[in-house]
């Protein structure tokens, strides 16, 4: 079978590997679609020894069960599934409270640090991480929801985004664009911020009322030309330090910001903005797998077109080119498709 792995800085290798067999409690999934996430690009741009251990990349799987291992109940060959990529202990308080994304004893996630992921034709997965993909969603939809779709949706739901809000979406990569298409049916007036003209234009097509270029001057002043009081809520998806610094310039007093992007290992913003405006700032880490059904129902009810954020679909054999496009940060989401 074909598979991908990162072998050096900005180098992806196409492999020919043996077909995996499921261990007890596992299934093998025939991949139908999978995407490139921003966290796949971190080791691609700046690999560490953890990232170069010879494992298959990718953690946005969507496909059908091809083989079922011993002891697996409730699943059969042909079932349409999306595996939850974050492997958890299942025993800690957060897991037992259905907040598996916050597991305090997390195991290595699929597609990270030695654990094979989804950039492959066949993926071995523990059955307890399977989520059922409804018939009204495509496999491409499933791949989008596997990580980035839920990463966008969860903080918007936590903030209670509604028609009362001016919402800033800071960073218009795939997670930011997904935030736009989820926030639109929630009723928010959306302001998108990104230095890429192409991404700003795509955000407008997807529902942003206004887009701003942070390289064109003070972004807070740009926002107040349209909304003099500032924004009610903000979701920061880029992880860029300059974007963190201006959160207080964009929000009204008592505003709320969700920090989603992981592009920088530290978070800093001026204390005078945080304290004097009494802002609420919280972090958000993907989504609990119990929220998957809520998201799929929201998509059905509001006819959300997840595929509208996808700009490129390539075969797995073109993995190096797919990664190059994704890393250039000028496109929508880049995904792999399978025959």
Foldseek 3Di string as FASTA:
>chain_A
DWFWAAADALDIDIDDDDADDEEAQKFKFQFFKAFDDPVLLVCNHPNDPLRNPDATAGALTWGFTCGHYPPDPDHDGGFTWTFQFWAADCPDPCNVVLNRLPHPHTDDGDRGRHHHHHRDRMHMDRPVRIDGDDPVDDRNNSSCLSFLLLLLPVVCVVVQQALVWEEEEEAQAQSSLSNLLLNVVRNYAYEYEDQAPLSQVLSVVSHHPYYDYVVVDDVLVVQCVPVVQATQEYEHAACDAVVLACPLSHHHQQHEYEYRHDPDVDGDYDPCSCPVSVYHYYYTGRGRPVCVVVVVVSCVVVVRDSCSQEDEEAASVCVSVQSVVSNVSNGGIYMYGDD
